[in-house]
Amino acid sequence: MRLRARSQRKVAKETTEVTTEGATKDSMSDTRSDLTVSLWRGAQQGRYESYKVPWRENQTVLDVVTFVQRHLDPTLSYRFACRVGMCGSCAMTVNGRPRWTCRTHVSSVVKDGRLEIAPLENLPIIKDLAADMRPFFDKWQRAKGAFVPARTRNDEIERIRPDSTARIAADAAIECINCGICYAACDTVRWSSDYLGPAALNRAWTLVNDVRDDANAERLQAVAASGGCHACHSHQSCQELCPQRLNPTASIAGLKRRTMWAYLKGEI
């Protein structure tokens, strides 16, 4: 898998500047000033292009990208769905940090009237701001992220006490929506393409603590292998930048302990 290096993007910095000339009158209303927005264009060997975009009150970064696509350059490719912080599909790199663009207000990240927007790091680029998420989800599968029920629909439903130790451990990590922010922020993923990444390991931790699951032996073996939980350097970039305020580093630490005990007991 070819990863896009930050240095490569810095080399391709200067490009054409596109202004808002020709945009509709309505689109220019409520404007304080103009933003200079540099967007990554092309695929792996791409470049930045600069655009002048109206700066409005309560404007999100996704609003800026959408303005460029609708009024300045309809060939711009990017990904979004819900626009309200529920799906995570609009994740991009904004001024060097991975963020949900629908929840990131321009006023909180703009620097000297400029924004720099690129696709997520550590993933191949499909085109422009759309990253290829297949390596991310392939690793999710390698970590045995699918639930394997221990009972059938004909069996009695398992009763899970909300105050049980296992349930509390799973609850702390269960709200991941696979947006890829933690994966893009992870230095270990950047250094080692074989590393499973924070999201996949976080998912494995939730299932390890699910008493209804029947695949923990295989799952622990998968996450203990090369590129698994023991490759984590605990930099906590994933925890710092997670929009859901989860702590994948803590989940990975739990997997390190659990796999060690499983190995000592001869279970893996």
Protein backbone atom coordinates (compact mmCIF):
# COMPACT_ATOMS: atom_id res chain seq x y z
CA MET A 1 0.00 0.00 0.00
CA ARG A 2 1.36 3.36 -1.01
CA LEU A 3 1.09 6.00 1.65
CA ARG A 4 1.11 9.72 0.98
CA ALA A 5 3.97 11.46 2.77
CA ARG A 6 3.50 14.90 4.23
CA SER A 7 6.72 16.07 2.62
CA GLN A 8 5.36 15.13 -0.81
CA ARG A 9 2.38 17.43 -0.34
CA LYS A 10 4.62 20.29 0.81
CA VAL A 11 6.65 20.07 -2.40
CA ALA A 12 3.48 20.43 -4.50
CA LYS A 13 2.28 23.51 -2.65
CA GLU A 14 1.87 26.24 -5.26
CA THR A 15 -0.92 26.04 -7.88
CA THR A 16 -3.64 27.90 -9.65
CA GLU A 17 -5.79 30.28 -7.70
CA VAL A 18 -9.50 30.27 -8.47
CA THR A 19 -11.68 33.16 -7.27
CA THR A 20 -15.37 33.50 -6.54
CA GLU A 21 -15.94 35.51 -9.73
CA GLY A 22 -18.98 34.06 -11.45
CA ALA A 23 -20.54 32.72 -8.24
CA THR A 24 -24.20 33.52 -7.71
CA LYS A 25 -25.22 36.69 -5.90
CA ASP A 26 -26.96 34.70 -3.15
CA SER A 27 -23.84 32.65 -2.48
CA MET A 28 -21.90 35.84 -1.74
CA SER A 29 -24.32 37.20 0.85
CA ASP A 30 -23.44 37.46 4.55
CA THR A 31 -19.74 37.66 3.69
CA ARG A 32 -17.17 39.11 6.08
CA SER A 33 -14.13 38.62 3.85
CA ASP A 34 -12.53 36.02 1.65
CA LEU A 35 -10.76 32.84 2.69
CA THR A 36 -7.82 31.47 0.75
CA VAL A 37 -8.39 27.73 0.63
CA SER A 38 -5.74 25.30 -0.61
CA LEU A 39 -7.26 21.96 -1.64
CA TRP A 40 -5.40 18.81 -2.58
CA ARG A 41 -6.20 17.92 -6.21
CA GLY A 42 -5.43 14.74 -8.07
CA ALA A 43 -4.39 11.35 -6.75
CA GLN A 44 -1.19 10.21 -5.03
CA GLN A 45 1.03 12.44 -7.19
CA GLY A 46 -1.22 15.48 -6.92
CA ARG A 47 -0.84 19.12 -5.95
CA TYR A 48 -2.57 21.89 -4.02
CA GLU A 49 -4.81 24.38 -5.78
CA SER A 50 -5.91 27.64 -4.16
CA TYR A 51 -9.42 29.10 -4.21
CA LYS A 52 -10.98 32.30 -2.89
CA VAL A 53 -14.11 31.47 -0.88
CA PRO A 54 -16.48 33.82 1.00
CA TRP A 55 -16.00 33.74 4.76
CA ARG A 56 -19.31 33.55 6.60
CA GLU A 57 -20.46 33.37 10.20
CA ASN A 58 -20.74 29.81 11.64
CA GLN A 59 -19.22 28.34 8.51
CA THR A 60 -17.85 24.78 8.69
CA VAL A 61 -14.93 23.41 6.72
CA LEU A 62 -17.37 21.13 4.88
CA ASP A 63 -19.33 24.24 3.86
CA VAL A 64 -16.13 25.63 2.33
CA VAL A 65 -15.41 22.45 0.37
CA THR A 66 -19.02 22.28 -0.82
CA PHE A 67 -18.88 25.93 -1.98
CA VAL A 68 -15.83 25.18 -4.11
CA GLN A 69 -17.49 22.13 -5.68
CA ARG A 70 -20.80 23.87 -6.37
CA HIS A 71 -19.60 27.30 -7.48
CA LEU A 72 -15.95 27.16 -8.54
CA ASP A 73 -14.93 23.68 -9.68
CA PRO A 74 -17.53 20.90 -10.14
CA THR A 75 -14.78 18.34 -10.76
CA LEU A 76 -13.73 18.41 -7.08
CA SER A 77 -14.19 14.99 -5.43
CA TYR A 78 -14.86 14.55 -1.72
CA ARG A 79 -16.98 12.41 0.58
CA PHE A 80 -19.79 13.30 2.97
CA ALA A 81 -23.23 12.03 3.99
CA CYS A 82 -25.05 13.23 7.11
CA ARG A 83 -23.42 16.68 7.64
CA VAL A 84 -24.28 16.50 11.38
CA GLY A 85 -21.44 14.49 12.94
CA MET A 86 -23.10 11.08 12.85
CA CYS A 87 -21.46 9.17 9.98
CA GLY A 88 -17.83 10.34 10.00
CA SER A 89 -17.52 10.09 6.20
CA CYS A 90 -16.46 13.74 5.79
CA ALA A 91 -13.16 13.25 7.64
CA MET A 92 -10.26 15.14 6.03
CA THR A 93 -6.94 16.68 7.02
CA VAL A 94 -7.44 20.34 7.93
CA ASN A 95 -4.31 22.43 8.51
CA GLY A 96 -2.35 19.26 9.22
CA ARG A 97 -4.83 17.58 11.61
CA PRO A 98 -7.48 14.96 10.82
CA ARG A 99 -10.98 16.26 11.60
CA TRP A 100 -14.66 15.82 10.84
CA THR A 101 -15.16 18.73 8.47
CA CYS A 102 -18.89 18.99 9.22
CA ARG A 103 -18.17 19.65 12.91
CA THR A 104 -15.10 21.87 12.41
CA HIS A 105 -15.90 25.58 12.25
CA VAL A 106 -13.63 27.68 10.07
CA SER A 107 -13.21 30.22 12.86
CA SER A 108 -11.58 27.59 15.09
CA VAL A 109 -8.92 26.47 12.59
CA VAL A 110 -8.28 29.31 10.14
CA LYS A 111 -4.77 30.80 10.20
CA ASP A 112 -4.24 34.26 8.72
CA GLY A 113 -7.29 33.82 6.52
CA ARG A 114 -6.02 30.54 5.05
CA LEU A 115 -7.09 26.90 5.16
CA GLU A 116 -5.26 23.86 3.84
CA ILE A 117 -7.44 20.80 3.25
CA ALA A 118 -6.24 17.35 2.16
CA PRO A 119 -7.50 13.76 2.31
CA LEU A 120 -6.81 11.62 5.38
CA GLU A 121 -3.19 10.60 5.96
CA ASN A 122 -1.99 6.97 5.92
CA LEU A 123 -4.44 5.96 3.20
CA PRO A 124 -4.17 5.86 -0.60
CA ILE A 125 -5.93 8.68 -2.44
CA ILE A 126 -8.74 7.91 -4.85
CA LYS A 127 -9.05 11.49 -6.11
CA ASP A 128 -8.76 14.93 -4.54
CA LEU A 129 -10.12 14.80 -0.96
CA ALA A 130 -11.46 11.24 -1.12
CA ALA A 131 -9.21 8.66 0.52
CA ASP A 132 -9.43 4.92 -0.18
CA MET A 133 -10.78 3.34 3.03
CA ARG A 134 -10.24 -0.26 1.94
CA PRO A 135 -6.94 -0.77 3.85
CA PHE A 136 -8.67 0.57 6.98
CA PHE A 137 -11.56 -1.90 6.77
CA ASP A 138 -9.30 -4.78 5.67
CA LYS A 139 -7.44 -4.40 8.96
CA TRP A 140 -10.74 -4.23 10.84
CA GLN A 141 -11.45 -7.69 9.39
CA ARG A 142 -7.94 -8.94 10.19
CA ALA A 143 -8.55 -8.01 13.82
CA LYS A 144 -11.68 -10.21 13.78
CA GLY A 145 -13.97 -7.21 14.21
CA ALA A 146 -17.14 -9.14 13.33
CA PHE A 147 -19.38 -10.37 16.15
CA VAL A 148 -19.61 -14.18 16.33
CA PRO A 149 -22.62 -15.18 18.46
CA ALA A 150 -22.25 -17.99 20.96
CA ARG A 151 -25.99 -18.67 20.92
CA THR A 152 -28.62 -19.13 18.23
CA ARG A 153 -31.94 -17.32 17.91
CA ASN A 154 -33.57 -20.35 19.53
CA ASP A 155 -31.55 -19.98 22.74
CA GLU A 156 -32.46 -17.80 25.69
CA ILE A 157 -31.20 -14.22 25.40
CA GLU A 158 -28.01 -13.57 27.34
CA ARG A 159 -28.49 -11.24 30.30
CA ILE A 160 -25.75 -8.60 30.59
CA ARG A 161 -25.49 -6.63 33.81
CA PRO A 162 -24.68 -2.98 32.98
CA ASP A 163 -22.46 -2.75 36.06
CA SER A 164 -20.36 -5.82 35.20
CA THR A 165 -16.63 -5.27 34.68
CA ALA A 166 -16.70 -6.56 31.12
CA ARG A 167 -19.68 -4.41 30.14
CA ILE A 168 -18.10 -1.27 31.59
CA ALA A 169 -14.89 -1.98 29.64
CA ALA A 170 -16.85 -2.46 26.41
CA ASP A 171 -18.97 0.64 27.00
CA ALA A 172 -15.88 2.83 27.16
CA ALA A 173 -14.99 1.91 23.56
CA ILE A 174 -18.27 1.01 21.88
CA GLU A 175 -19.14 4.35 20.23
CA CYS A 176 -16.56 4.13 17.42
CA ILE A 177 -18.13 4.83 13.99
CA ASN A 178 -15.05 3.94 11.88
CA CYS A 179 -14.43 7.46 10.57
CA GLY A 180 -10.66 6.81 10.26
CA ILE A 181 -9.52 9.87 12.24
CA CYS A 182 -7.47 7.79 14.67
CA TYR A 183 -5.95 5.78 11.83
CA ALA A 184 -4.89 8.94 10.01
CA ALA A 185 -3.40 10.36 13.22
CA CYS A 186 -1.44 7.22 14.15
CA ASP A 187 2.34 7.45 13.83
CA THR A 188 2.73 3.67 14.05
CA VAL A 189 0.47 3.22 11.01
CA ARG A 190 2.62 5.79 9.20
CA TRP A 191 5.79 3.87 10.01
CA SER A 192 4.42 0.36 9.55
CA SER A 193 1.73 -0.39 6.97
CA ASP A 194 1.22 -3.82 8.59
CA TYR A 195 -0.03 -2.32 11.86
CA LEU A 196 -3.75 -2.95 12.40
CA GLY A 197 -4.39 0.55 13.72
CA PRO A 198 -6.33 2.01 16.66
CA ALA A 199 -9.88 1.54 15.31
CA ALA A 200 -9.51 -2.16 14.50
CA LEU A 201 -7.88 -2.91 17.85
CA ASN A 202 -10.46 -0.83 19.71
CA ARG A 203 -13.19 -2.90 18.06
CA ALA A 204 -11.42 -6.13 19.03
CA TRP A 205 -11.33 -4.93 22.65
CA THR A 206 -15.09 -4.36 22.74
CA LEU A 207 -15.70 -7.91 21.46
CA VAL A 208 -13.18 -9.46 23.85
CA ASN A 209 -15.34 -8.00 26.62
CA ASP A 210 -18.63 -9.18 25.09
CA VAL A 211 -19.67 -12.38 26.88
CA ARG A 212 -22.03 -13.19 24.00
CA ASP A 213 -19.16 -13.55 21.49
CA ASP A 214 -17.67 -16.96 20.71
CA ALA A 215 -14.50 -16.08 18.76
CA ASN A 216 -12.17 -14.68 21.39
CA ALA A 217 -9.45 -17.32 21.01
CA GLU A 218 -9.06 -16.51 17.29
CA ARG A 219 -9.42 -12.78 17.96
CA LEU A 220 -6.71 -12.71 20.65
CA GLN A 221 -4.40 -14.67 18.39
CA ALA A 222 -5.01 -12.21 15.56
CA VAL A 223 -4.33 -9.08 17.63
CA ALA A 224 -1.27 -10.64 19.31
CA ALA A 225 0.39 -11.37 15.96
CA SER A 226 2.85 -9.14 14.12
CA GLY A 227 1.30 -5.74 13.48
CA GLY A 228 -1.14 -6.19 16.35
CA CYS A 229 -1.61 -4.58 19.75
CA HIS A 230 2.01 -4.99 20.87
CA ALA A 231 3.17 -2.75 18.02
CA CYS A 232 1.42 0.26 19.59
CA HIS A 233 3.85 2.87 20.99
CA SER A 234 1.16 4.55 23.14
CA HIS A 235 1.66 8.01 21.62
CA GLN A 236 -2.07 8.65 22.21
CA SER A 237 -2.60 10.68 19.04
CA CYS A 238 -5.72 8.57 18.52
CA GLN A 239 -7.11 9.54 21.91
CA GLU A 240 -6.23 13.22 21.46
CA LEU A 241 -7.98 13.58 18.09
CA CYS A 242 -10.93 11.16 18.35
CA PRO A 243 -14.13 13.18 17.72
CA GLN A 244 -16.06 10.70 19.88
CA ARG A 245 -13.65 11.25 22.78
CA LEU A 246 -12.76 7.57 22.93
CA ASN A 247 -9.39 6.30 24.09
CA PRO A 248 -8.16 3.56 21.73
CA THR A 249 -4.79 3.57 23.50
CA ALA A 250 -6.51 2.32 26.66
CA SER A 251 -8.29 -0.39 24.66
CA ILE A 252 -4.98 -1.47 23.13
CA ALA A 253 -3.38 -1.57 26.58
CA GLY A 254 -6.21 -3.86 27.66
CA LEU A 255 -5.51 -6.14 24.70
CA LYS A 256 -1.82 -6.25 25.61
CA ARG A 257 -2.70 -7.49 29.10
CA ARG A 258 -5.33 -9.94 27.88
CA THR A 259 -3.10 -11.47 25.19
CA MET A 260 -0.24 -11.84 27.67
CA TRP A 261 -2.45 -13.79 30.09
CA ALA A 262 -3.84 -15.89 27.24
CA TYR A 263 -0.31 -16.75 26.17
CA LEU A 264 0.77 -17.67 29.72
CA LYS A 265 -2.28 -19.91 30.05
CA GLY A 266 -1.57 -21.60 26.74
CA GLU A 267 -4.76 -20.29 25.14
CA ILE A 268 -2.98 -18.73 22.18
